[in-house]
Amino acid sequence: MKTPIIYLFTFLLSFSALAQSKLEKIKALKVAHITEQLDLTKKEAEAFWPIYNAHEEEKHKHFESSMKRRKDLDIEKLTESEAEALLKEVQANEEAKEKSEKAFIEKLTKVISYKKIVKLMHAERTFKRKMIEEFRGRHREMRKD
């Protein structure tokens, strides 16, 4: 009985590691893409990456809390007062994200030029687009098989 459990545990652990390594690979690709697009000096990079990484972590926390809330939500069973509270929470979350984005840009203006900030925004969009296209391409290939 212990042997199948050990095999199952090992399989799940390796699957988790594989998923995590894919996420790390995507993050590394994103860093490389942004680095290439912004052409940061060594001094700029040393100041830029800690600010950027902290902002990414904050965005991820907002996303996780938002997704958790949606996952636990049963729209059909919402009362009017719960719906009102939910809308207020969504608005507050959006305002917090906007405030965070403004603070992020304000911090960046102290370490890189405005033009590089615009390039950063463009680089993030193009990277996201590339990832979506890659995913769609792989999804199409899987459907063909």
C-alpha atoms as a PDB file:
ATOM      1  CA  MET A   1       0.000   0.000   0.000  1.00  0.00           C
ATOM      2  CA  LYS A   2       2.837   2.405   0.782  1.00  0.00           C
ATOM      3  CA  THR A   3       4.493   1.895  -2.607  1.00  0.00           C
ATOM      4  CA  PRO A   4       1.615   3.330  -4.725  1.00  0.00           C
ATOM      5  CA  ILE A   5       1.351   6.293  -2.371  1.00  0.00           C
ATOM      6  CA  ILE A   6       5.073   6.941  -2.693  1.00  0.00           C
ATOM      7  CA  TYR A   7       4.821   6.743  -6.498  1.00  0.00           C
ATOM      8  CA  LEU A   8       1.842   9.091  -6.503  1.00  0.00           C
ATOM      9  CA  PHE A   9       3.612  11.544  -4.215  1.00  0.00           C
ATOM     10  CA  THR A  10       6.754  11.441  -6.392  1.00  0.00           C
ATOM     11  CA  PHE A  11       4.683  11.995  -9.540  1.00  0.00           C
ATOM     12  CA  LEU A  12       2.826  14.960  -8.039  1.00  0.00           C
ATOM     13  CA  LEU A  13       6.045  16.448  -6.744  1.00  0.00           C
ATOM     14  CA  SER A  14       7.724  16.160 -10.152  1.00  0.00           C
ATOM     15  CA  PHE A  15       4.636  17.621 -11.863  1.00  0.00           C
ATOM     16  CA  SER A  16       4.733  20.578  -9.471  1.00  0.00           C
ATOM     17  CA  ALA A  17       8.441  21.091 -10.144  1.00  0.00           C
ATOM     18  CA  LEU A  18       7.807  20.956 -13.902  1.00  0.00           C
ATOM     19  CA  ALA A  19       5.075  23.597 -13.658  1.00  0.00           C
ATOM     20  CA  GLN A  20       7.301  25.774 -11.499  1.00  0.00           C
ATOM     21  CA  SER A  21      10.225  25.422 -13.897  1.00  0.00           C
ATOM     22  CA  LYS A  22       7.960  26.501 -16.788  1.00  0.00           C
ATOM     23  CA  LEU A  23       6.959  29.589 -14.824  1.00  0.00           C
ATOM     24  CA  GLU A  24      10.598  30.349 -14.059  1.00  0.00           C
ATOM     25  CA  LYS A  25      11.457  29.899 -17.742  1.00  0.00           C
ATOM     26  CA  ILE A  26       8.736  32.366 -18.745  1.00  0.00           C
ATOM     27  CA  LYS A  27      10.017  34.867 -16.170  1.00  0.00           C
ATOM     28  CA  ALA A  28      13.558  34.478 -17.515  1.00  0.00           C
ATOM     29  CA  LEU A  29      12.317  35.014 -21.076  1.00  0.00           C
ATOM     30  CA  LYS A  30      10.459  38.133 -19.940  1.00  0.00           C
ATOM     31  CA  VAL A  31      13.557  39.524 -18.215  1.00  0.00           C
ATOM     32  CA  ALA A  32      15.628  38.873 -21.344  1.00  0.00           C
ATOM     33  CA  HIS A  33      12.998  40.509 -23.564  1.00  0.00           C
ATOM     34  CA  ILE A  34      12.744  43.610 -21.370  1.00  0.00           C
ATOM     35  CA  THR A  35      16.523  43.861 -21.015  1.00  0.00           C
ATOM     36  CA  GLU A  36      16.945  43.704 -24.773  1.00  0.00           C
ATOM     37  CA  GLN A  37      14.186  46.217 -25.483  1.00  0.00           C
ATOM     38  CA  LEU A  38      15.248  48.796 -22.881  1.00  0.00           C
ATOM     39  CA  ASP A  39      19.010  48.600 -23.461  1.00  0.00           C
ATOM     40  CA  LEU A  40      19.695  49.532 -19.833  1.00  0.00           C
ATOM     41  CA  THR A  41      23.117  50.623 -18.671  1.00  0.00           C
ATOM     42  CA  LYS A  42      24.625  48.648 -15.800  1.00  0.00           C
ATOM     43  CA  LYS A  43      23.797  51.453 -13.361  1.00  0.00           C
ATOM     44  CA  GLU A  44      20.209  51.692 -14.653  1.00  0.00           C
ATOM     45  CA  ALA A  45      19.743  47.917 -14.469  1.00  0.00           C
ATOM     46  CA  GLU A  46      20.955  47.785 -10.860  1.00  0.00           C
ATOM     47  CA  ALA A  47      18.362  50.389  -9.878  1.00  0.00           C
ATOM     48  CA  PHE A  48      15.597  49.242 -12.240  1.00  0.00           C
ATOM     49  CA  TRP A  49      15.268  45.505 -11.505  1.00  0.00           C
ATOM     50  CA  PRO A  50      14.579  45.714  -7.747  1.00  0.00           C
ATOM     51  CA  ILE A  51      11.816  48.273  -8.411  1.00  0.00           C
ATOM     52  CA  TYR A  52      10.394  46.229 -11.274  1.00  0.00           C
ATOM     53  CA  ASN A  53      10.476  42.941  -9.355  1.00  0.00           C
ATOM     54  CA  ALA A  54       8.764  44.474  -6.315  1.00  0.00           C
ATOM     55  CA  HIS A  55       6.051  45.882  -8.575  1.00  0.00           C
ATOM     56  CA  GLU A  56       5.571  42.527 -10.317  1.00  0.00           C
ATOM     57  CA  GLU A  57       5.203  40.838  -6.934  1.00  0.00           C
ATOM     58  CA  GLU A  58       2.604  43.398  -5.870  1.00  0.00           C
ATOM     59  CA  LYS A  59       0.680  42.928  -9.143  1.00  0.00           C
ATOM     60  CA  HIS A  60       0.759  39.166  -8.615  1.00  0.00           C
ATOM     61  CA  LYS A  61      -0.706  39.556  -5.111  1.00  0.00           C
ATOM     62  CA  HIS A  62      -3.544  41.719  -6.475  1.00  0.00           C
ATOM     63  CA  PHE A  63      -4.199  39.151  -9.192  1.00  0.00           C
ATOM     64  CA  GLU A  64      -4.212  36.215  -6.766  1.00  0.00           C
ATOM     65  CA  SER A  65      -6.626  37.888  -4.359  1.00  0.00           C
ATOM     66  CA  SER A  66      -8.900  38.860  -7.237  1.00  0.00           C
ATOM     67  CA  MET A  67      -8.867  35.333  -8.667  1.00  0.00           C
ATOM     68  CA  LYS A  68      -9.492  33.757  -5.269  1.00  0.00           C
ATOM     69  CA  ARG A  69     -12.494  35.993  -4.767  1.00  0.00           C
ATOM     70  CA  ARG A  70     -13.910  35.109  -8.200  1.00  0.00           C
ATOM     71  CA  LYS A  71     -13.258  31.408  -7.712  1.00  0.00           C
ATOM     72  CA  ASP A  72     -15.210  31.345  -4.450  1.00  0.00           C
ATOM     73  CA  LEU A  73     -18.059  33.398  -5.917  1.00  0.00           C
ATOM     74  CA  ASP A  74     -21.460  31.952  -6.762  1.00  0.00           C
ATOM     75  CA  ILE A  75     -23.168  34.744  -8.708  1.00  0.00           C
ATOM     76  CA  GLU A  76     -26.578  33.087  -8.652  1.00  0.00           C
ATOM     77  CA  LYS A  77     -26.642  33.030  -4.847  1.00  0.00           C
ATOM     78  CA  LEU A  78     -25.524  36.642  -4.340  1.00  0.00           C
ATOM     79  CA  THR A  79     -27.839  38.879  -2.381  1.00  0.00           C
ATOM     80  CA  GLU A  80     -28.189  42.503  -3.430  1.00  0.00           C
ATOM     81  CA  SER A  81     -26.115  43.703  -0.466  1.00  0.00           C
ATOM     82  CA  GLU A  82     -23.388  41.124  -1.207  1.00  0.00           C
ATOM     83  CA  ALA A  83     -23.336  42.256  -4.844  1.00  0.00           C
ATOM     84  CA  GLU A  84     -22.999  45.875  -3.726  1.00  0.00           C
ATOM     85  CA  ALA A  85     -20.142  44.967  -1.371  1.00  0.00           C
ATOM     86  CA  LEU A  86     -18.469  42.979  -4.143  1.00  0.00           C
ATOM     87  CA  LEU A  87     -18.670  45.905  -6.586  1.00  0.00           C
ATOM     88  CA  LYS A  88     -17.189  48.240  -3.992  1.00  0.00           C
ATOM     89  CA  GLU A  89     -14.396  45.739  -3.385  1.00  0.00           C
ATOM     90  CA  VAL A  90     -13.700  45.450  -7.127  1.00  0.00           C
ATOM     91  CA  GLN A  91     -13.594  49.240  -7.463  1.00  0.00           C
ATOM     92  CA  ALA A  92     -11.278  49.542  -4.465  1.00  0.00           C
ATOM     93  CA  ASN A  93      -9.013  46.880  -5.943  1.00  0.00           C
ATOM     94  CA  GLU A  94      -8.911  48.702  -9.295  1.00  0.00           C
ATOM     95  CA  GLU A  95      -8.099  51.984  -7.544  1.00  0.00           C
ATOM     96  CA  ALA A  96      -5.328  50.278  -5.559  1.00  0.00           C
ATOM     97  CA  LYS A  97      -3.852  48.832  -8.762  1.00  0.00           C
ATOM     98  CA  GLU A  98      -3.980  52.248 -10.434  1.00  0.00           C
ATOM     99  CA  LYS A  99      -2.345  53.895  -7.423  1.00  0.00           C
ATOM    100  CA  SER A 100       0.340  51.191  -7.405  1.00  0.00           C
ATOM    101  CA  GLU A 101       0.993  51.713 -11.121  1.00  0.00           C
ATOM    102  CA  LYS A 102       1.382  55.481 -10.623  1.00  0.00           C
ATOM    103  CA  ALA A 103       3.790  54.933  -7.725  1.00  0.00           C
ATOM    104  CA  PHE A 104       5.750  52.444  -9.829  1.00  0.00           C
ATOM    105  CA  ILE A 105       6.121  54.913 -12.687  1.00  0.00           C
ATOM    106  CA  GLU A 106       7.091  57.641 -10.232  1.00  0.00           C
ATOM    107  CA  LYS A 107       9.873  55.414  -8.848  1.00  0.00           C
ATOM    108  CA  LEU A 108      11.037  54.518 -12.344  1.00  0.00           C
ATOM    109  CA  THR A 109      11.348  58.176 -13.373  1.00  0.00           C
ATOM    110  CA  LYS A 110      14.101  58.486 -10.779  1.00  0.00           C
ATOM    111  CA  VAL A 111      16.200  55.703 -12.354  1.00  0.00           C
ATOM    112  CA  ILE A 112      15.402  55.579 -16.096  1.00  0.00           C
ATOM    113  CA  SER A 113      14.200  58.048 -18.722  1.00  0.00           C
ATOM    114  CA  TYR A 114      10.566  58.596 -19.675  1.00  0.00           C
ATOM    115  CA  LYS A 115      11.333  57.146 -23.088  1.00  0.00           C
ATOM    116  CA  LYS A 116      12.604  53.930 -21.501  1.00  0.00           C
ATOM    117  CA  ILE A 117       9.461  53.746 -19.359  1.00  0.00           C
ATOM    118  CA  VAL A 118       7.374  53.932 -22.535  1.00  0.00           C
ATOM    119  CA  LYS A 119       9.638  51.269 -24.054  1.00  0.00           C
ATOM    120  CA  LEU A 120       9.043  49.127 -20.954  1.00  0.00           C
ATOM    121  CA  MET A 121       5.279  49.370 -21.379  1.00  0.00           C
ATOM    122  CA  HIS A 122       5.645  48.415 -25.027  1.00  0.00           C
ATOM    123  CA  ALA A 123       8.016  45.545 -24.187  1.00  0.00           C
ATOM    124  CA  GLU A 124       5.557  44.135 -21.642  1.00  0.00           C
ATOM    125  CA  ARG A 125       2.720  44.252 -24.184  1.00  0.00           C
ATOM    126  CA  THR A 126       4.782  42.651 -26.936  1.00  0.00           C
ATOM    127  CA  PHE A 127       5.996  39.928 -24.571  1.00  0.00           C
ATOM    128  CA  LYS A 128       2.445  39.156 -23.484  1.00  0.00           C
ATOM    129  CA  ARG A 129       1.363  39.044 -27.128  1.00  0.00           C
ATOM    130  CA  LYS A 130       4.245  36.680 -27.955  1.00  0.00           C
ATOM    131  CA  MET A 131       3.285  34.364 -25.098  1.00  0.00           C
ATOM    132  CA  ILE A 132      -0.357  34.299 -26.193  1.00  0.00           C
ATOM    133  CA  GLU A 133       0.649  33.531 -29.786  1.00  0.00           C
ATOM    134  CA  GLU A 134       2.986  30.786 -28.560  1.00  0.00           C
ATOM    135  CA  PHE A 135       0.218  29.274 -26.456  1.00  0.00           C
ATOM    136  CA  ARG A 136      -2.261  29.417 -29.334  1.00  0.00           C
ATOM    137  CA  GLY A 137       0.263  27.815 -31.672  1.00  0.00           C
ATOM    138  CA  ARG A 138       0.899  24.955 -29.275  1.00  0.00           C
ATOM    139  CA  HIS A 139      -2.806  24.561 -28.653  1.00  0.00           C
ATOM    140  CA  ARG A 140      -3.450  24.294 -32.417  1.00  0.00           C
ATOM    141  CA  GLU A 141      -0.696  21.692 -32.765  1.00  0.00           C
ATOM    142  CA  MET A 142      -2.198  19.637 -29.954  1.00  0.00           C
ATOM    143  CA  ARG A 143      -5.622  19.733 -31.622  1.00  0.00           C
ATOM    144  CA  LYS A 144      -4.164  18.449 -34.910  1.00  0.00           C
ATOM    145  CA  ASP A 145      -2.756  15.349 -33.237  1.00  0.00           C
END
